[in-house]
PDB file of all heavy atoms in Angstrom:
ATOM      1  N   ASN A   1       4.957  22.214   4.558  1.00  0.00           N
ATOM      2  CA  ASN A   1       6.037  21.214   4.457  1.00  0.00           C
ATOM      3  C   ASN A   1       5.466  19.835   4.237  1.00  0.00           C
ATOM      4  O   ASN A   1       5.851  18.848   4.901  1.00  0.00           O
ATOM      5  CB  ASN A   1       6.876  21.257   5.762  1.00  0.00           C
ATOM      6  CG  ASN A   1       8.189  20.572   5.591  1.00  0.00           C
ATOM      7  OD1 ASN A   1       8.699  20.440   4.467  1.00  0.00           O
ATOM      8  ND2 ASN A   1       8.781  20.120   6.686  1.00  0.00           N
ATOM      9  N   ILE A   2       4.582  19.702   3.261  1.00  0.00           N
ATOM     10  CA  ILE A   2       3.908  18.433   2.938  1.00  0.00           C
ATOM     11  C   ILE A   2       4.938  17.412   2.393  1.00  0.00           C
ATOM     12  O   ILE A   2       5.786  17.738   1.587  1.00  0.00           O
ATOM     13  CB  ILE A   2       2.792  18.658   1.920  1.00  0.00           C
ATOM     14  CG1 ILE A   2       1.704  19.585   2.503  1.00  0.00           C
ATOM     15  CG2 ILE A   2       2.202  17.326   1.437  1.00  0.00           C
ATOM     16  CD1 ILE A   2       1.004  19.024   3.718  1.00  0.00           C
ATOM     17  N   GLU A   3       4.760  16.137   2.852  1.00  0.00           N
ATOM     18  CA  GLU A   3       5.678  15.082   2.455  1.00  0.00           C
ATOM     19  C   GLU A   3       5.006  14.032   1.539  1.00  0.00           C
ATOM     20  O   GLU A   3       5.716  13.285   0.895  1.00  0.00           O
ATOM     21  CB  GLU A   3       6.233  14.385   3.699  1.00  0.00           C
ATOM     22  CG  GLU A   3       7.017  15.300   4.620  1.00  0.00           C
ATOM     23  CD  GLU A   3       7.335  14.684   5.962  1.00  0.00           C
ATOM     24  OE1 GLU A   3       8.392  13.979   6.073  1.00  0.00           O
ATOM     25  OE2 GLU A   3       6.510  14.818   6.903  1.00  0.00           O
ATOM     26  N   ALA A   4       3.676  13.978   1.593  1.00  0.00           N
ATOM     27  CA  ALA A   4       2.979  13.000   0.757  1.00  0.00           C
ATOM     28  C   ALA A   4       1.538  13.491   0.452  1.00  0.00           C
ATOM     29  O   ALA A   4       1.029  14.306   1.204  1.00  0.00           O
ATOM     30  CB  ALA A   4       2.929  11.624   1.443  1.00  0.00           C
ATOM     31  N   ILE A   5       0.983  13.009  -0.615  1.00  0.00           N
ATOM     32  CA  ILE A   5      -0.383  13.382  -1.006  1.00  0.00           C
ATOM     33  C   ILE A   5      -1.287  12.141  -1.046  1.00  0.00           C
ATOM     34  O   ILE A   5      -0.878  11.095  -1.646  1.00  0.00           O
ATOM     35  CB  ILE A   5      -0.404  14.100  -2.369  1.00  0.00           C
ATOM     36  CG1 ILE A   5       0.358  15.433  -2.265  1.00  0.00           C
ATOM     37  CG2 ILE A   5      -1.817  14.295  -2.885  1.00  0.00           C
ATOM     38  CD1 ILE A   5       0.504  16.186  -3.539  1.00  0.00           C
ATOM     39  N   SER A   6      -2.426  12.251  -0.456  1.00  0.00           N
ATOM     40  CA  SER A   6      -3.378  11.135  -0.384  1.00  0.00           C
ATOM     41  C   SER A   6      -4.662  11.542  -1.105  1.00  0.00           C
ATOM     42  O   SER A   6      -5.281  12.552  -0.750  1.00  0.00           O
ATOM     43  CB  SER A   6      -3.716  10.831   1.095  1.00  0.00           C
ATOM     44  OG  SER A   6      -4.690   9.829   1.177  1.00  0.00           O
ATOM     45  N   ILE A   7      -5.026  10.751  -2.114  1.00  0.00           N
ATOM     46  CA  ILE A   7      -6.236  11.068  -2.938  1.00  0.00           C
ATOM     47  C   ILE A   7      -7.270   9.937  -2.753  1.00  0.00           C
ATOM     48  O   ILE A   7      -6.949   8.741  -2.901  1.00  0.00           O
ATOM     49  CB  ILE A   7      -5.863  11.155  -4.424  1.00  0.00           C
ATOM     50  CG1 ILE A   7      -4.790  12.219  -4.635  1.00  0.00           C
ATOM     51  CG2 ILE A   7      -7.109  11.479  -5.285  1.00  0.00           C
ATOM     52  CD1 ILE A   7      -4.180  12.214  -6.047  1.00  0.00           C
ATOM     53  N   GLY A   8      -8.503  10.315  -2.439  1.00  0.00           N
ATOM     54  CA  GLY A   8      -9.586   9.308  -2.317  1.00  0.00           C
ATOM     55  C   GLY A   8      -9.885   8.711  -3.671  1.00  0.00           C
ATOM     56  O   GLY A   8      -9.749   9.360  -4.712  1.00  0.00           O
ATOM     57  N   ASN A   9     -10.314   7.424  -3.619  1.00  0.00           N
ATOM     58  CA  ASN A   9     -10.497   6.725  -4.911  1.00  0.00           C
ATOM     59  C   ASN A   9     -11.933   6.799  -5.443  1.00  0.00           C
ATOM     60  O   ASN A   9     -12.371   5.947  -6.244  1.00  0.00           O
ATOM     61  CB  ASN A   9     -10.093   5.244  -4.761  1.00  0.00           C
ATOM     62  CG  ASN A   9     -11.030   4.462  -3.832  1.00  0.00           C
ATOM     63  OD1 ASN A   9     -11.801   5.036  -3.072  1.00  0.00           O
ATOM     64  ND2 ASN A   9     -10.969   3.165  -3.906  1.00  0.00           N
ATOM     65  N   GLY A  10     -12.689   7.775  -5.064  1.00  0.00           N
ATOM     66  CA  GLY A  10     -14.074   7.894  -5.509  1.00  0.00           C
ATOM     67  C   GLY A  10     -14.191   8.690  -6.818  1.00  0.00           C
ATOM     68  O   GLY A  10     -13.300   8.642  -7.671  1.00  0.00           O
ATOM     69  N   THR A  11     -15.290   9.421  -6.923  1.00  0.00           N
ATOM     70  CA  THR A  11     -15.548  10.207  -8.155  1.00  0.00           C
ATOM     71  C   THR A  11     -14.404  11.174  -8.450  1.00  0.00           C
ATOM     72  O   THR A  11     -13.900  11.846  -7.528  1.00  0.00           O
ATOM     73  CB  THR A  11     -16.848  11.020  -7.962  1.00  0.00           C
ATOM     74  OG1 THR A  11     -17.913  10.127  -7.646  1.00  0.00           O
ATOM     75  CG2 THR A  11     -17.172  11.796  -9.218  1.00  0.00           C
ATOM     76  N   ALA A  12     -13.976  11.203  -9.710  1.00  0.00           N
ATOM     77  CA  ALA A  12     -12.893  12.130 -10.197  1.00  0.00           C
ATOM     78  C   ALA A  12     -11.511  11.787  -9.620  1.00  0.00           C
ATOM     79  O   ALA A  12     -10.605  12.594  -9.685  1.00  0.00           O
ATOM     80  CB  ALA A  12     -13.250  13.566  -9.889  1.00  0.00           C
ATOM     81  N   SER A  13     -11.360  10.579  -9.103  1.00  0.00           N
ATOM     82  CA  SER A  13     -10.080  10.212  -8.522  1.00  0.00           C
ATOM     83  C   SER A  13      -8.948  10.185  -9.556  1.00  0.00           C
ATOM     84  O   SER A  13      -7.900  10.782  -9.333  1.00  0.00           O
ATOM     85  CB  SER A  13     -10.210   8.857  -7.858  1.00  0.00           C
ATOM     86  OG  SER A  13      -8.955   8.393  -7.365  1.00  0.00           O
ATOM     87  N   ARG A  14      -9.167   9.482 -10.657  1.00  0.00           N
ATOM     88  CA  ARG A  14      -8.072   9.379 -11.642  1.00  0.00           C
ATOM     89  C   ARG A  14      -7.726  10.717 -12.216  1.00  0.00           C
ATOM     90  O   ARG A  14      -6.539  11.079 -12.423  1.00  0.00           O
ATOM     91  CB  ARG A  14      -8.506   8.439 -12.801  1.00  0.00           C
ATOM     92  CG  ARG A  14      -8.591   6.970 -12.423  1.00  0.00           C
ATOM     93  CD  ARG A  14      -7.321   6.411 -11.834  1.00  0.00           C
ATOM     94  NE  ARG A  14      -6.186   6.421 -12.699  1.00  0.00           N
ATOM     95  CZ  ARG A  14      -5.913   5.572 -13.657  1.00  0.00           C
ATOM     96  NH1 ARG A  14      -6.764   4.576 -13.908  1.00  0.00           N
ATOM     97  NH2 ARG A  14      -4.818   5.658 -14.385  1.00  0.00           N
ATOM     98  N   GLU A  15      -8.761  11.530 -12.532  1.00  0.00           N
ATOM     99  CA  GLU A  15      -8.515  12.869 -13.101  1.00  0.00           C
ATOM    100  C   GLU A  15      -7.719  13.733 -12.120  1.00  0.00           C
ATOM    101  O   GLU A  15      -6.802  14.472 -12.512  1.00  0.00           O
ATOM    102  CB  GLU A  15      -9.861  13.558 -13.414  1.00  0.00           C
ATOM    103  CG  GLU A  15     -10.649  12.893 -14.580  1.00  0.00           C
ATOM    104  CD  GLU A  15     -11.496  11.730 -14.145  1.00  0.00           C
ATOM    105  OE1 GLU A  15     -11.349  11.272 -12.941  1.00  0.00           O
ATOM    106  OE2 GLU A  15     -12.280  11.243 -14.932  1.00  0.00           O
ATOM    107  N   THR A  16      -8.034  13.580 -10.824  1.00  0.00           N
ATOM    108  CA  THR A  16      -7.310  14.345  -9.793  1.00  0.00           C
ATOM    109  C   THR A  16      -5.849  13.862  -9.668  1.00  0.00           C
ATOM    110  O   THR A  16      -4.935  14.670  -9.528  1.00  0.00           O
ATOM    111  CB  THR A  16      -8.025  14.250  -8.433  1.00  0.00           C
ATOM    112  OG1 THR A  16      -9.389  14.680  -8.587  1.00  0.00           O
ATOM    113  CG2 THR A  16      -7.350  15.080  -7.383  1.00  0.00           C
ATOM    114  N   GLU A  17      -5.649  12.572  -9.761  1.00  0.00           N
ATOM    115  CA  GLU A  17      -4.316  11.993  -9.716  1.00  0.00           C
ATOM    116  C   GLU A  17      -3.478  12.528 -10.897  1.00  0.00           C
ATOM    117  O   GLU A  17      -2.328  12.947 -10.699  1.00  0.00           O
ATOM    118  CB  GLU A  17      -4.382  10.462  -9.773  1.00  0.00           C
ATOM    119  CG  GLU A  17      -3.017   9.806  -9.656  1.00  0.00           C
ATOM    120  CD  GLU A  17      -3.068   8.297  -9.892  1.00  0.00           C
ATOM    121  OE1 GLU A  17      -4.175   7.764 -10.180  1.00  0.00           O
ATOM    122  OE2 GLU A  17      -1.997   7.665  -9.781  1.00  0.00           O
ATOM    123  N   PHE A  18      -4.069  12.533 -12.117  1.00  0.00           N
ATOM    124  CA  PHE A  18      -3.341  13.044 -13.283  1.00  0.00           C
ATOM    125  C   PHE A  18      -3.005  14.534 -13.133  1.00  0.00           C
ATOM    126  O   PHE A  18      -1.916  14.985 -13.436  1.00  0.00           O
ATOM    127  CB  PHE A  18      -4.152  12.844 -14.574  1.00  0.00           C
ATOM    128  CG  PHE A  18      -4.415  11.416 -14.906  1.00  0.00           C
ATOM    129  CD1 PHE A  18      -5.563  11.005 -15.455  1.00  0.00           C
ATOM    130  CD2 PHE A  18      -3.399  10.463 -14.706  1.00  0.00           C
ATOM    131  CE1 PHE A  18      -5.830   9.670 -15.797  1.00  0.00           C
ATOM    132  CE2 PHE A  18      -3.605   9.122 -15.018  1.00  0.00           C
ATOM    133  CZ  PHE A  18      -4.813   8.739 -15.570  1.00  0.00           C
ATOM    134  N   PHE A  19      -3.998  15.265 -12.563  1.00  0.00           N
ATOM    135  CA  PHE A  19      -3.813  16.691 -12.334  1.00  0.00           C
ATOM    136  C   PHE A  19      -2.618  16.946 -11.355  1.00  0.00           C
ATOM    137  O   PHE A  19      -1.777  17.774 -11.634  1.00  0.00           O
ATOM    138  CB  PHE A  19      -5.110  17.290 -11.781  1.00  0.00           C
ATOM    139  CG  PHE A  19      -4.951  18.599 -11.100  1.00  0.00           C
ATOM    140  CD1 PHE A  19      -4.669  19.772 -11.784  1.00  0.00           C
ATOM    141  CD2 PHE A  19      -5.045  18.669  -9.693  1.00  0.00           C
ATOM    142  CE1 PHE A  19      -4.499  20.976 -11.110  1.00  0.00           C
ATOM    143  CE2 PHE A  19      -4.872  19.852  -9.012  1.00  0.00           C
ATOM    144  CZ  PHE A  19      -4.625  21.017  -9.742  1.00  0.00           C
ATOM    145  N   ILE A  20      -2.612  16.196 -10.255  1.00  0.00           N
ATOM    146  CA  ILE A  20      -1.551  16.362  -9.234  1.00  0.00           C
ATOM    147  C   ILE A  20      -0.169  16.062  -9.840  1.00  0.00           C
ATOM    148  O   ILE A  20       0.815  16.753  -9.541  1.00  0.00           O
ATOM    149  CB  ILE A  20      -1.836  15.508  -8.000  1.00  0.00           C
ATOM    150  CG1 ILE A  20      -3.044  16.001  -7.230  1.00  0.00           C
ATOM    151  CG2 ILE A  20      -0.618  15.385  -7.092  1.00  0.00           C
ATOM    152  CD1 ILE A  20      -2.834  17.390  -6.556  1.00  0.00           C
ATOM    153  N   LYS A  21      -0.124  15.021 -10.691  1.00  0.00           N
ATOM    154  CA  LYS A  21       1.189  14.584 -11.216  1.00  0.00           C
ATOM    155  C   LYS A  21       1.729  15.544 -12.273  1.00  0.00           C
ATOM    156  O   LYS A  21       2.873  15.452 -12.698  1.00  0.00           O
ATOM    157  CB  LYS A  21       1.049  13.177 -11.762  1.00  0.00           C
ATOM    158  CG  LYS A  21       0.951  12.132 -10.641  1.00  0.00           C
ATOM    159  CD  LYS A  21       0.881  10.713 -11.178  1.00  0.00           C
ATOM    160  CE  LYS A  21       0.855   9.742 -10.016  1.00  0.00           C
ATOM    161  NZ  LYS A  21       0.760   8.318 -10.466  1.00  0.00           N
ATOM    162  N   LYS A  22       0.870  16.468 -12.735  1.00  0.00           N
ATOM    163  CA  LYS A  22       1.333  17.485 -13.673  1.00  0.00           C
ATOM    164  C   LYS A  22       2.050  18.625 -12.975  1.00  0.00           C
ATOM    165  O   LYS A  22       2.736  19.434 -13.617  1.00  0.00           O
ATOM    166  CB  LYS A  22       0.148  18.072 -14.462  1.00  0.00           C
ATOM    167  CG  LYS A  22      -0.466  17.128 -15.489  1.00  0.00           C
ATOM    168  CD  LYS A  22      -1.674  17.789 -16.143  1.00  0.00           C
ATOM    169  CE  LYS A  22      -2.426  16.842 -17.026  1.00  0.00           C
ATOM    170  NZ  LYS A  22      -3.687  17.479 -17.579  1.00  0.00           N
ATOM    171  N   ILE A  23       1.839  18.751 -11.672  1.00  0.00           N
ATOM    172  CA  ILE A  23       2.382  19.899 -10.922  1.00  0.00           C
ATOM    173  C   ILE A  23       3.895  19.739 -10.701  1.00  0.00           C
ATOM    174  O   ILE A  23       4.301  18.662 -10.267  1.00  0.00           O
ATOM    175  CB  ILE A  23       1.670  20.081  -9.569  1.00  0.00           C
ATOM    176  CG1 ILE A  23       0.142  20.266  -9.804  1.00  0.00           C
ATOM    177  CG2 ILE A  23       2.212  21.258  -8.796  1.00  0.00           C
ATOM    178  CD1 ILE A  23      -0.673  20.250  -8.551  1.00  0.00           C
ATOM    179  N   ALA A  24       4.629  20.780 -10.978  1.00  0.00           N
ATOM    180  CA  ALA A  24       6.094  20.747 -10.766  1.00  0.00           C
ATOM    181  C   ALA A  24       6.407  21.228  -9.339  1.00  0.00           C
ATOM    182  O   ALA A  24       6.514  22.425  -9.068  1.00  0.00           O
ATOM    183  CB  ALA A  24       6.799  21.623 -11.801  1.00  0.00           C
ATOM    184  N   PHE A  25       6.492  20.278  -8.431  1.00  0.00           N
ATOM    185  CA  PHE A  25       6.777  20.619  -7.008  1.00  0.00           C
ATOM    186  C   PHE A  25       8.280  20.869  -6.852  1.00  0.00           C
ATOM    187  O   PHE A  25       9.102  20.417  -7.652  1.00  0.00           O
ATOM    188  CB  PHE A  25       6.356  19.444  -6.113  1.00  0.00           C
ATOM    189  CG  PHE A  25       4.868  19.236  -6.022  1.00  0.00           C
ATOM    190  CD1 PHE A  25       4.303  18.107  -6.633  1.00  0.00           C
ATOM    191  CD2 PHE A  25       4.055  20.162  -5.427  1.00  0.00           C
ATOM    192  CE1 PHE A  25       2.930  17.876  -6.570  1.00  0.00           C
ATOM    193  CE2 PHE A  25       2.658  19.956  -5.400  1.00  0.00           C
ATOM    194  CZ  PHE A  25       2.120  18.858  -5.971  1.00  0.00           C
ATOM    195  N   ASP A  26       8.587  21.584  -5.776  1.00  0.00           N
ATOM    196  CA  ASP A  26       9.998  21.921  -5.502  1.00  0.00           C
ATOM    197  C   ASP A  26      10.790  20.736  -4.972  1.00  0.00           C
ATOM    198  O   ASP A  26      12.014  20.770  -4.868  1.00  0.00           O
ATOM    199  CB  ASP A  26      10.085  23.084  -4.494  1.00  0.00           C
ATOM    200  CG  ASP A  26       9.482  24.381  -5.079  1.00  0.00           C
ATOM    201  OD1 ASP A  26       9.417  24.450  -6.320  1.00  0.00           O
ATOM    202  OD2 ASP A  26       9.080  25.261  -4.271  1.00  0.00           O
ATOM    203  N   LYS A  27      10.086  19.699  -4.570  1.00  0.00           N
ATOM    204  CA  LYS A  27      10.707  18.498  -4.026  1.00  0.00           C
ATOM    205  C   LYS A  27       9.887  17.309  -4.439  1.00  0.00           C
ATOM    206  O   LYS A  27       8.733  17.419  -4.735  1.00  0.00           O
ATOM    207  CB  LYS A  27      10.802  18.584  -2.488  1.00  0.00           C
ATOM    208  CG  LYS A  27       9.452  18.694  -1.821  1.00  0.00           C
ATOM    209  CD  LYS A  27       9.598  18.811  -0.295  1.00  0.00           C
ATOM    210  CE  LYS A  27       8.213  18.938   0.358  1.00  0.00           C
ATOM    211  NZ  LYS A  27       8.316  19.044   1.809  1.00  0.00           N
ATOM    212  N   PRO A  28      10.519  16.107  -4.457  1.00  0.00           N
ATOM    213  CA  PRO A  28       9.744  14.912  -4.845  1.00  0.00           C
ATOM    214  C   PRO A  28       8.687  14.568  -3.788  1.00  0.00           C
ATOM    215  O   PRO A  28       8.958  14.622  -2.583  1.00  0.00           O
ATOM    216  CB  PRO A  28      10.796  13.791  -4.909  1.00  0.00           C
ATOM    217  CG  PRO A  28      11.988  14.292  -4.160  1.00  0.00           C
ATOM    218  CD  PRO A  28      11.920  15.822  -4.212  1.00  0.00           C
ATOM    219  N   LEU A  29       7.471  14.285  -4.238  1.00  0.00           N
ATOM    220  CA  LEU A  29       6.380  13.939  -3.341  1.00  0.00           C
ATOM    221  C   LEU A  29       5.765  12.591  -3.749  1.00  0.00           C
ATOM    222  O   LEU A  29       5.593  12.355  -4.939  1.00  0.00           O
ATOM    223  CB  LEU A  29       5.250  14.998  -3.396  1.00  0.00           C
ATOM    224  CG  LEU A  29       5.459  16.300  -2.677  1.00  0.00           C
ATOM    225  CD1 LEU A  29       4.240  17.201  -2.884  1.00  0.00           C
ATOM    226  CD2 LEU A  29       5.672  16.102  -1.185  1.00  0.00           C
ATOM    227  N   GLN A  30       5.482  11.760  -2.787  1.00  0.00           N
ATOM    228  CA  GLN A  30       4.789  10.532  -3.080  1.00  0.00           C
ATOM    229  C   GLN A  30       3.284  10.791  -3.162  1.00  0.00           C
ATOM    230  O   GLN A  30       2.724  11.479  -2.306  1.00  0.00           O
ATOM    231  CB  GLN A  30       5.054   9.461  -1.987  1.00  0.00           C
ATOM    232  CG  GLN A  30       6.490   8.950  -1.952  1.00  0.00           C
ATOM    233  CD  GLN A  30       6.652   7.899  -0.883  1.00  0.00           C
ATOM    234  OE1 GLN A  30       6.466   8.139   0.286  1.00  0.00           O
ATOM    235  NE2 GLN A  30       7.006   6.669  -1.296  1.00  0.00           N
ATOM    236  N   VAL A  31       2.678  10.239  -4.216  1.00  0.00           N
ATOM    237  CA  VAL A  31       1.224  10.423  -4.408  1.00  0.00           C
ATOM    238  C   VAL A  31       0.548   9.079  -4.271  1.00  0.00           C
ATOM    239  O   VAL A  31       0.837   8.145  -5.006  1.00  0.00           O
ATOM    240  CB  VAL A  31       0.902  11.047  -5.779  1.00  0.00           C
ATOM    241  CG1 VAL A  31      -0.576  11.217  -5.974  1.00  0.00           C
ATOM    242  CG2 VAL A  31       1.610  12.388  -5.936  1.00  0.00           C
ATOM    243  N   PHE A  32      -0.400   8.927  -3.355  1.00  0.00           N
ATOM    244  CA  PHE A  32      -1.103   7.676  -3.075  1.00  0.00           C
ATOM    245  C   PHE A  32      -2.585   7.866  -3.385  1.00  0.00           C
ATOM    246  O   PHE A  32      -3.185   8.905  -3.081  1.00  0.00           O
ATOM    247  CB  PHE A  32      -0.951   7.280  -1.618  1.00  0.00           C
ATOM    248  CG  PHE A  32       0.441   7.002  -1.187  1.00  0.00           C
ATOM    249  CD1 PHE A  32       1.295   7.988  -0.747  1.00  0.00           C
ATOM    250  CD2 PHE A  32       0.930   5.676  -1.160  1.00  0.00           C
ATOM    251  CE1 PHE A  32       2.589   7.752  -0.356  1.00  0.00           C
ATOM    252  CE2 PHE A  32       2.217   5.408  -0.785  1.00  0.00           C
ATOM    253  CZ  PHE A  32       3.067   6.429  -0.338  1.00  0.00           C
ATOM    254  N   VAL A  33      -3.187   6.815  -3.911  1.00  0.00           N
ATOM    255  CA  VAL A  33      -4.650   6.769  -4.057  1.00  0.00           C
ATOM    256  C   VAL A  33      -5.143   5.752  -3.007  1.00  0.00           C
ATOM    257  O   VAL A  33      -4.687   4.605  -2.951  1.00  0.00           O
ATOM    258  CB  VAL A  33      -5.094   6.269  -5.458  1.00  0.00           C
ATOM    259  CG1 VAL A  33      -6.591   6.133  -5.498  1.00  0.00           C
ATOM    260  CG2 VAL A  33      -4.624   7.270  -6.507  1.00  0.00           C
ATOM    261  N   VAL A  34      -5.968   6.197  -2.056  1.00  0.00           N
ATOM    262  CA  VAL A  34      -6.426   5.362  -0.953  1.00  0.00           C
ATOM    263  C   VAL A  34      -7.934   5.147  -1.062  1.00  0.00           C
ATOM    264  O   VAL A  34      -8.676   5.939  -1.620  1.00  0.00           O
ATOM    265  CB  VAL A  34      -6.093   5.969   0.408  1.00  0.00           C
ATOM    266  CG1 VAL A  34      -4.606   6.209   0.551  1.00  0.00           C
ATOM    267  CG2 VAL A  34      -6.874   7.252   0.636  1.00  0.00           C
TER     268      VAL A  34
END
């Protein structure tokens, strides 16, 4: 029952963010880079 996603801003951060945003989730999720 995840409500938000937190991605570290180190190596492969942008690629991981793009990858996550391609996923069609069943509900809207906030994606943060920290």
